[in-house]
């Protein structure tokens, strides 16, 4: 099974890049406002050890209190909000590319997990979620009997 991020506004991102290219041809390197920009989704790695499924997500600029992790059946969901820094009165931006706003990522877990034993830690902008495998999901060595 392949895990693919769902991006409902993905086509708007492609349209924005095409409009940026068109804009640049006529007016130089000035970029269009980010109104059609694809919403931000944190990058994540999902791995498996003997006893756990481990999800690591990069969430720079956030704090643990800004993040919510939940599980429903075999769907793990991370959501939160990255606050925009307030503009100072005498500060004028030439370029503003950092994302601010809410995000959500959901993953269908490849195997069953013990939802009551899930552990989540947040350190240096990386969220690590450790999901212990359910006993029936762990690999078992099958003994071959001889007659």
N, C-alpha and C. Protein backbone atom coordinates (compact mmCIF):
# COMPACT_ATOMS: atom_id res chain seq x y z
N UNK A 1 0.84 -1.17 0.00
CA UNK A 1 0.00 0.00 0.00
C UNK A 1 0.89 1.25 0.00
N UNK A 2 0.58 2.19 -0.83
CA UNK A 2 1.36 3.42 -0.91
C UNK A 2 0.59 4.54 -0.23
N UNK A 3 1.27 5.32 0.61
CA UNK A 3 0.64 6.44 1.32
C UNK A 3 0.93 7.71 0.52
N UNK A 4 -0.15 8.36 0.08
CA UNK A 4 -0.02 9.56 -0.74
C UNK A 4 -0.73 10.71 -0.04
N UNK A 5 -0.07 11.86 0.11
CA UNK A 5 -0.73 12.99 0.76
C UNK A 5 -1.90 13.50 -0.08
N UNK A 6 -2.98 13.84 0.58
CA UNK A 6 -4.14 14.39 -0.10
C UNK A 6 -4.02 15.90 -0.13
N UNK A 7 -4.05 16.46 -1.33
CA UNK A 7 -3.92 17.91 -1.49
C UNK A 7 -5.09 18.41 -2.34
N UNK A 8 -6.18 18.81 -1.67
CA UNK A 8 -7.37 19.19 -2.41
C UNK A 8 -7.19 20.41 -3.30
N UNK A 9 -6.24 21.26 -3.00
CA UNK A 9 -6.04 22.47 -3.81
C UNK A 9 -4.80 22.35 -4.70
N UNK A 10 -4.39 21.13 -4.99
CA UNK A 10 -3.19 20.88 -5.79
C UNK A 10 -3.21 21.54 -7.16
N UNK A 11 -4.36 21.53 -7.81
CA UNK A 11 -4.46 22.14 -9.14
C UNK A 11 -4.25 23.65 -9.08
N UNK A 12 -4.65 24.27 -7.99
CA UNK A 12 -4.43 25.72 -7.86
C UNK A 12 -2.95 26.03 -7.78
N UNK A 13 -2.17 25.13 -7.17
CA UNK A 13 -0.72 25.32 -7.11
C UNK A 13 -0.11 25.32 -8.50
N UNK A 14 -0.54 24.38 -9.34
CA UNK A 14 -0.04 24.31 -10.71
C UNK A 14 -0.44 25.56 -11.49
N UNK A 15 -1.70 25.99 -11.33
CA UNK A 15 -2.18 27.21 -11.99
C UNK A 15 -1.36 28.42 -11.54
N UNK A 16 -1.05 28.48 -10.23
CA UNK A 16 -0.27 29.60 -9.71
C UNK A 16 1.13 29.65 -10.35
N UNK A 17 1.77 28.47 -10.45
CA UNK A 17 3.11 28.44 -11.07
C UNK A 17 3.05 28.91 -12.52
N UNK A 18 2.04 28.49 -13.25
CA UNK A 18 1.89 28.93 -14.65
C UNK A 18 1.66 30.44 -14.71
N UNK A 19 0.84 30.96 -13.80
CA UNK A 19 0.60 32.41 -13.78
C UNK A 19 1.86 33.17 -13.38
N UNK A 20 2.65 32.63 -12.44
CA UNK A 20 3.93 33.24 -12.07
C UNK A 20 4.85 33.32 -13.28
N UNK A 21 4.92 32.24 -14.06
CA UNK A 21 5.77 32.24 -15.25
C UNK A 21 5.30 33.30 -16.26
N UNK A 22 4.00 33.37 -16.48
CA UNK A 22 3.45 34.36 -17.40
C UNK A 22 3.72 35.77 -16.90
N UNK A 23 3.50 36.00 -15.62
CA UNK A 23 3.73 37.31 -15.00
C UNK A 23 5.20 37.72 -15.15
N UNK A 24 6.11 36.75 -14.91
CA UNK A 24 7.54 37.03 -15.00
C UNK A 24 7.96 37.41 -16.41
N UNK A 25 7.36 36.78 -17.42
CA UNK A 25 7.71 37.12 -18.80
C UNK A 25 7.37 38.57 -19.13
N UNK A 26 6.28 39.08 -18.56
CA UNK A 26 5.86 40.45 -18.87
C UNK A 26 6.47 41.49 -17.95
N UNK A 27 6.62 41.19 -16.65
CA UNK A 27 7.01 42.20 -15.68
C UNK A 27 8.30 41.89 -14.93
N UNK A 28 9.05 40.93 -15.33
CA UNK A 28 10.27 40.57 -14.63
C UNK A 28 10.00 39.53 -13.56
N UNK A 29 10.83 39.50 -12.55
CA UNK A 29 10.77 38.43 -11.54
C UNK A 29 9.79 38.69 -10.40
N UNK A 30 8.92 39.70 -10.49
CA UNK A 30 7.94 39.95 -9.45
C UNK A 30 6.93 38.80 -9.45
N UNK A 31 6.64 38.26 -8.30
CA UNK A 31 5.74 37.11 -8.20
C UNK A 31 4.33 37.57 -7.83
N UNK A 32 3.36 36.75 -8.24
CA UNK A 32 1.97 37.02 -7.90
C UNK A 32 1.74 36.75 -6.41
N UNK A 33 0.73 37.36 -5.83
CA UNK A 33 0.41 37.06 -4.44
C UNK A 33 0.10 35.57 -4.28
N UNK A 34 0.23 35.07 -3.07
CA UNK A 34 0.07 33.64 -2.82
C UNK A 34 -1.38 33.22 -2.63
N UNK A 35 -2.32 33.89 -3.29
CA UNK A 35 -3.73 33.54 -3.09
C UNK A 35 -4.07 32.16 -3.61
N UNK A 36 -3.34 31.67 -4.61
CA UNK A 36 -3.61 30.34 -5.15
C UNK A 36 -2.59 29.32 -4.66
N UNK A 37 -1.78 29.69 -3.69
CA UNK A 37 -0.72 28.79 -3.22
C UNK A 37 -1.33 27.56 -2.56
N UNK A 38 -0.64 26.48 -2.75
CA UNK A 38 -1.06 25.23 -2.13
C UNK A 38 -0.88 25.36 -0.62
N UNK A 39 -1.86 24.88 0.13
CA UNK A 39 -1.71 24.98 1.57
C UNK A 39 -0.54 24.14 2.03
N UNK A 40 0.01 24.53 3.15
CA UNK A 40 1.19 23.87 3.67
C UNK A 40 0.81 22.55 4.32
N UNK A 41 1.60 21.54 4.06
CA UNK A 41 1.44 20.25 4.73
C UNK A 41 2.82 19.84 5.20
N UNK A 42 2.98 19.54 6.49
CA UNK A 42 4.30 19.18 7.00
C UNK A 42 4.82 17.91 6.35
N UNK A 43 6.12 17.86 6.12
CA UNK A 43 6.77 16.66 5.59
C UNK A 43 6.81 15.61 6.69
N UNK A 44 6.64 14.35 6.29
CA UNK A 44 6.61 13.28 7.28
C UNK A 44 7.29 12.02 6.75
N UNK A 45 7.87 11.26 7.66
CA UNK A 45 8.44 9.94 7.37
C UNK A 45 7.66 8.93 8.20
N UNK A 46 7.36 7.78 7.61
CA UNK A 46 6.70 6.70 8.33
C UNK A 46 7.59 5.47 8.19
N UNK A 47 7.94 4.88 9.32
CA UNK A 47 8.80 3.70 9.29
C UNK A 47 8.23 2.64 10.23
N UNK A 48 8.82 1.45 10.13
CA UNK A 48 8.36 0.34 10.95
C UNK A 48 9.55 -0.35 11.58
N UNK A 49 9.44 -0.63 12.87
CA UNK A 49 10.44 -1.43 13.57
C UNK A 49 9.77 -2.75 13.94
N UNK A 50 10.48 -3.57 14.67
CA UNK A 50 9.92 -4.86 15.09
C UNK A 50 8.62 -4.68 15.87
N UNK A 51 8.57 -3.69 16.75
CA UNK A 51 7.43 -3.52 17.64
C UNK A 51 6.56 -2.30 17.39
N UNK A 52 7.02 -1.35 16.55
CA UNK A 52 6.31 -0.08 16.41
C UNK A 52 6.21 0.39 14.96
N UNK A 53 5.24 1.27 14.74
CA UNK A 53 5.20 2.12 13.55
C UNK A 53 5.59 3.50 14.07
N UNK A 54 6.50 4.17 13.37
CA UNK A 54 6.99 5.47 13.83
C UNK A 54 6.72 6.52 12.75
N UNK A 55 6.09 7.61 13.16
CA UNK A 55 5.82 8.73 12.25
C UNK A 55 6.62 9.92 12.78
N UNK A 56 7.42 10.53 11.88
CA UNK A 56 8.17 11.74 12.23
C UNK A 56 7.75 12.83 11.26
N UNK A 57 7.34 13.97 11.81
CA UNK A 57 6.88 15.09 10.98
C UNK A 57 7.64 16.35 11.35
N UNK A 58 8.05 17.09 10.33
CA UNK A 58 8.75 18.36 10.54
C UNK A 58 7.73 19.47 10.70
N UNK A 59 7.78 20.15 11.83
CA UNK A 59 6.86 21.24 12.14
C UNK A 59 7.63 22.44 12.67
N UNK A 60 8.46 23.06 11.81
CA UNK A 60 9.29 24.18 12.27
C UNK A 60 8.44 25.38 12.68
N UNK A 61 8.89 26.03 13.73
CA UNK A 61 8.23 27.25 14.17
C UNK A 61 6.99 27.01 15.02
N UNK A 62 6.67 25.77 15.33
CA UNK A 62 5.51 25.47 16.16
C UNK A 62 5.95 25.04 17.55
N UNK A 63 5.00 25.01 18.45
CA UNK A 63 5.22 24.48 19.79
C UNK A 63 4.24 23.33 19.97
N UNK A 64 4.51 22.46 20.94
CA UNK A 64 3.66 21.29 21.17
C UNK A 64 2.20 21.68 21.37
N UNK A 65 1.95 22.82 22.01
CA UNK A 65 0.57 23.24 22.28
C UNK A 65 -0.19 23.61 21.00
N UNK A 66 0.53 23.83 19.89
CA UNK A 66 -0.09 24.20 18.62
C UNK A 66 -0.50 22.98 17.79
N UNK A 67 -0.21 21.76 18.28
CA UNK A 67 -0.38 20.54 17.50
C UNK A 67 -1.38 19.61 18.18
N UNK A 68 -2.22 18.97 17.38
CA UNK A 68 -3.17 17.99 17.87
C UNK A 68 -2.98 16.70 17.08
N UNK A 69 -2.88 15.57 17.78
CA UNK A 69 -2.72 14.27 17.14
C UNK A 69 -3.89 13.40 17.58
N UNK A 70 -4.54 12.73 16.62
CA UNK A 70 -5.65 11.84 16.96
C UNK A 70 -5.61 10.61 16.06
N UNK A 71 -6.30 9.57 16.50
CA UNK A 71 -6.40 8.34 15.71
C UNK A 71 -7.86 7.90 15.74
N UNK A 72 -8.33 7.47 14.57
CA UNK A 72 -9.68 6.96 14.44
C UNK A 72 -9.59 5.74 13.53
N UNK A 73 -9.78 4.56 14.11
CA UNK A 73 -9.61 3.33 13.34
C UNK A 73 -8.16 3.21 12.91
N UNK A 74 -7.91 3.15 11.59
CA UNK A 74 -6.54 3.06 11.10
C UNK A 74 -6.04 4.37 10.48
N UNK A 75 -6.71 5.49 10.80
CA UNK A 75 -6.33 6.80 10.28
C UNK A 75 -5.71 7.65 11.39
N UNK A 76 -4.44 8.02 11.21
CA UNK A 76 -3.74 8.90 12.13
C UNK A 76 -3.80 10.31 11.55
N UNK A 77 -4.20 11.28 12.36
CA UNK A 77 -4.34 12.65 11.89
C UNK A 77 -3.54 13.60 12.77
N UNK A 78 -2.78 14.49 12.11
CA UNK A 78 -2.06 15.58 12.78
C UNK A 78 -2.69 16.87 12.27
N UNK A 79 -2.99 17.77 13.18
CA UNK A 79 -3.49 19.07 12.75
C UNK A 79 -2.98 20.12 13.70
N UNK A 80 -2.99 21.34 13.22
CA UNK A 80 -2.52 22.43 14.06
C UNK A 80 -2.56 23.74 13.32
N UNK A 81 -1.92 24.72 13.91
CA UNK A 81 -1.91 26.04 13.30
C UNK A 81 -0.57 26.71 13.57
N UNK A 82 -0.04 27.29 12.52
CA UNK A 82 1.20 28.06 12.62
C UNK A 82 0.80 29.53 12.59
N UNK A 83 1.07 30.21 13.68
CA UNK A 83 0.66 31.61 13.81
C UNK A 83 1.57 32.52 12.97
N UNK A 84 0.96 33.54 12.40
CA UNK A 84 1.72 34.52 11.64
C UNK A 84 2.32 35.53 12.60
N UNK A 85 3.59 35.87 12.35
CA UNK A 85 4.23 36.88 13.18
C UNK A 85 3.59 38.23 12.87
N UNK A 86 3.42 39.02 13.91
CA UNK A 86 2.82 40.33 13.71
C UNK A 86 3.83 41.26 13.05
N UNK A 87 3.35 42.01 12.06
CA UNK A 87 4.21 42.96 11.36
C UNK A 87 4.45 44.16 12.26
N UNK A 88 5.71 44.55 12.36
CA UNK A 88 6.06 45.72 13.16
C UNK A 88 5.66 46.98 12.39
N UNK A 89 5.38 48.02 13.10
CA UNK A 89 4.88 49.25 12.49
C UNK A 89 5.85 49.82 11.44
N UNK A 90 7.15 49.75 11.70
CA UNK A 90 8.13 50.32 10.77
C UNK A 90 8.76 49.26 9.85
N UNK A 91 8.15 48.10 9.78
CA UNK A 91 8.71 47.01 8.97
C UNK A 91 7.89 46.83 7.69
N UNK A 92 8.57 46.79 6.54
CA UNK A 92 7.91 46.60 5.25
C UNK A 92 8.57 45.41 4.56
N UNK A 93 7.77 44.46 4.13
CA UNK A 93 8.30 43.23 3.53
C UNK A 93 8.58 43.41 2.05
N UNK A 94 9.69 42.87 1.58
CA UNK A 94 10.00 42.77 0.16
C UNK A 94 9.53 41.43 -0.38
N UNK A 95 9.53 40.45 0.51
CA UNK A 95 9.16 39.10 0.13
C UNK A 95 8.59 38.43 1.37
N UNK A 96 7.51 37.70 1.22
CA UNK A 96 6.90 37.00 2.35
C UNK A 96 6.47 35.62 1.87
N UNK A 97 7.30 34.60 2.13
CA UNK A 97 7.05 33.26 1.61
C UNK A 97 6.75 32.23 2.69
N UNK A 98 7.00 32.54 3.96
CA UNK A 98 6.77 31.56 5.01
C UNK A 98 5.27 31.37 5.22
N UNK A 99 4.88 30.13 5.40
CA UNK A 99 3.47 29.79 5.54
C UNK A 99 2.98 30.08 6.96
N UNK A 100 1.77 30.57 7.06
CA UNK A 100 1.09 30.72 8.34
C UNK A 100 -0.35 30.30 8.13
N UNK A 101 -0.89 29.60 9.08
CA UNK A 101 -2.28 29.15 8.97
C UNK A 101 -2.40 27.72 9.46
N UNK A 102 -3.57 27.16 9.28
CA UNK A 102 -3.81 25.82 9.78
C UNK A 102 -3.35 24.76 8.79
N UNK A 103 -3.09 23.57 9.30
CA UNK A 103 -2.69 22.44 8.47
C UNK A 103 -3.32 21.17 9.01
N UNK A 104 -3.37 20.17 8.15
CA UNK A 104 -3.84 18.85 8.57
C UNK A 104 -3.21 17.81 7.65
N UNK A 105 -2.71 16.74 8.24
CA UNK A 105 -2.19 15.58 7.50
C UNK A 105 -2.82 14.34 8.09
N UNK A 106 -3.29 13.46 7.25
CA UNK A 106 -3.85 12.19 7.69
C UNK A 106 -3.15 11.06 6.96
N UNK A 107 -2.92 9.96 7.68
CA UNK A 107 -2.25 8.80 7.12
C UNK A 107 -3.05 7.56 7.46
N UNK A 108 -3.22 6.68 6.48
CA UNK A 108 -3.81 5.39 6.76
C UNK A 108 -2.67 4.48 7.20
N UNK A 109 -2.80 3.95 8.40
CA UNK A 109 -1.73 3.11 8.94
C UNK A 109 -1.73 1.75 8.24
N UNK A 110 -0.55 1.24 7.92
CA UNK A 110 -0.46 -0.01 7.14
C UNK A 110 -0.80 -1.26 7.96
N UNK A 111 -0.77 -1.15 9.29
CA UNK A 111 -1.06 -2.30 10.16
C UNK A 111 -1.79 -1.82 11.41
N UNK A 112 -2.35 -2.77 12.15
CA UNK A 112 -3.05 -2.45 13.38
C UNK A 112 -2.09 -2.00 14.48
N UNK A 113 -2.54 -1.05 15.29
CA UNK A 113 -1.73 -0.54 16.40
C UNK A 113 -2.56 -0.52 17.68
N UNK A 114 -1.86 -0.45 18.81
CA UNK A 114 -2.51 -0.33 20.11
C UNK A 114 -2.75 1.15 20.37
N UNK A 115 -3.96 1.63 20.09
CA UNK A 115 -4.23 3.06 20.16
C UNK A 115 -4.12 3.62 21.58
N UNK A 116 -4.27 2.78 22.59
CA UNK A 116 -4.16 3.27 23.97
C UNK A 116 -2.71 3.38 24.45
N UNK A 117 -1.75 2.94 23.64
CA UNK A 117 -0.33 2.97 24.02
C UNK A 117 0.50 3.93 23.15
N UNK A 118 -0.14 4.78 22.36
CA UNK A 118 0.57 5.68 21.45
C UNK A 118 1.30 6.75 22.26
N UNK A 119 2.52 7.07 21.83
CA UNK A 119 3.35 8.07 22.49
C UNK A 119 3.74 9.13 21.46
N UNK A 120 3.62 10.40 21.82
CA UNK A 120 4.01 11.49 20.93
C UNK A 120 4.95 12.44 21.67
N UNK A 121 6.08 12.77 21.03
CA UNK A 121 7.03 13.73 21.60
C UNK A 121 7.34 14.79 20.56
N UNK A 122 7.70 15.98 21.04
CA UNK A 122 8.02 17.09 20.15
C UNK A 122 9.33 17.71 20.60
N UNK A 123 10.33 17.68 19.73
CA UNK A 123 11.64 18.23 20.08
C UNK A 123 12.28 18.82 18.83
N UNK A 124 12.83 20.02 18.95
CA UNK A 124 13.55 20.71 17.86
C UNK A 124 12.73 20.77 16.57
N UNK A 125 11.44 21.01 16.68
CA UNK A 125 10.60 21.15 15.50
C UNK A 125 10.21 19.84 14.83
N UNK A 126 10.49 18.70 15.49
CA UNK A 126 10.14 17.40 14.91
C UNK A 126 9.18 16.69 15.87
N UNK A 127 8.01 16.33 15.34
CA UNK A 127 7.03 15.56 16.09
C UNK A 127 7.29 14.08 15.81
N UNK A 128 7.48 13.28 16.85
CA UNK A 128 7.69 11.85 16.71
C UNK A 128 6.53 11.13 17.38
N UNK A 129 5.81 10.33 16.60
CA UNK A 129 4.68 9.56 17.11
C UNK A 129 5.06 8.09 17.03
N UNK A 130 5.06 7.41 18.17
CA UNK A 130 5.40 5.99 18.23
C UNK A 130 4.11 5.22 18.49
N UNK A 131 3.77 4.34 17.54
CA UNK A 131 2.53 3.57 17.62
C UNK A 131 2.88 2.10 17.79
N UNK A 132 2.70 1.54 18.98
CA UNK A 132 3.01 0.12 19.18
C UNK A 132 2.10 -0.76 18.32
N UNK A 133 2.69 -1.77 17.70
CA UNK A 133 1.92 -2.69 16.86
C UNK A 133 1.00 -3.55 17.72
N UNK A 134 -0.16 -3.85 17.18
CA UNK A 134 -1.05 -4.82 17.82
C UNK A 134 -0.39 -6.18 17.70
N UNK A 135 -0.63 -7.05 18.65
CA UNK A 135 0.02 -8.37 18.65
C UNK A 135 -0.21 -9.12 17.34
N UNK A 136 -1.43 -9.04 16.79
CA UNK A 136 -1.71 -9.76 15.55
C UNK A 136 -0.98 -9.18 14.35
N UNK A 137 -0.46 -7.94 14.46
CA UNK A 137 0.25 -7.31 13.35
C UNK A 137 1.75 -7.61 13.38
N UNK A 138 2.25 -8.08 14.51
CA UNK A 138 3.68 -8.37 14.60
C UNK A 138 4.02 -9.62 13.80
N UNK A 139 5.21 -9.60 13.20
CA UNK A 139 5.67 -10.78 12.46
C UNK A 139 5.94 -11.91 13.44
N UNK A 140 5.53 -13.09 13.05
CA UNK A 140 5.74 -14.26 13.89
C UNK A 140 6.45 -15.32 13.05
N UNK A 141 7.40 -15.95 13.68
CA UNK A 141 8.08 -17.06 13.03
C UNK A 141 7.21 -18.31 13.17
N UNK A 142 6.97 -18.98 12.09
CA UNK A 142 6.15 -20.19 12.10
C UNK A 142 7.06 -21.41 12.08
N UNK A 143 6.87 -22.24 13.06
CA UNK A 143 7.66 -23.45 13.14
C UNK A 143 7.15 -24.48 12.13
N UNK A 144 8.06 -25.07 11.41
CA UNK A 144 7.70 -26.10 10.44
C UNK A 144 7.93 -27.45 11.10
N UNK A 145 6.88 -28.22 11.14
CA UNK A 145 6.97 -29.54 11.78
C UNK A 145 7.31 -30.61 10.75
N UNK A 146 8.03 -31.60 11.18
CA UNK A 146 8.33 -32.73 10.30
C UNK A 146 7.57 -33.94 10.80
N UNK A 147 7.22 -34.79 9.90
CA UNK A 147 6.47 -35.99 10.27
C UNK A 147 7.36 -37.19 10.35
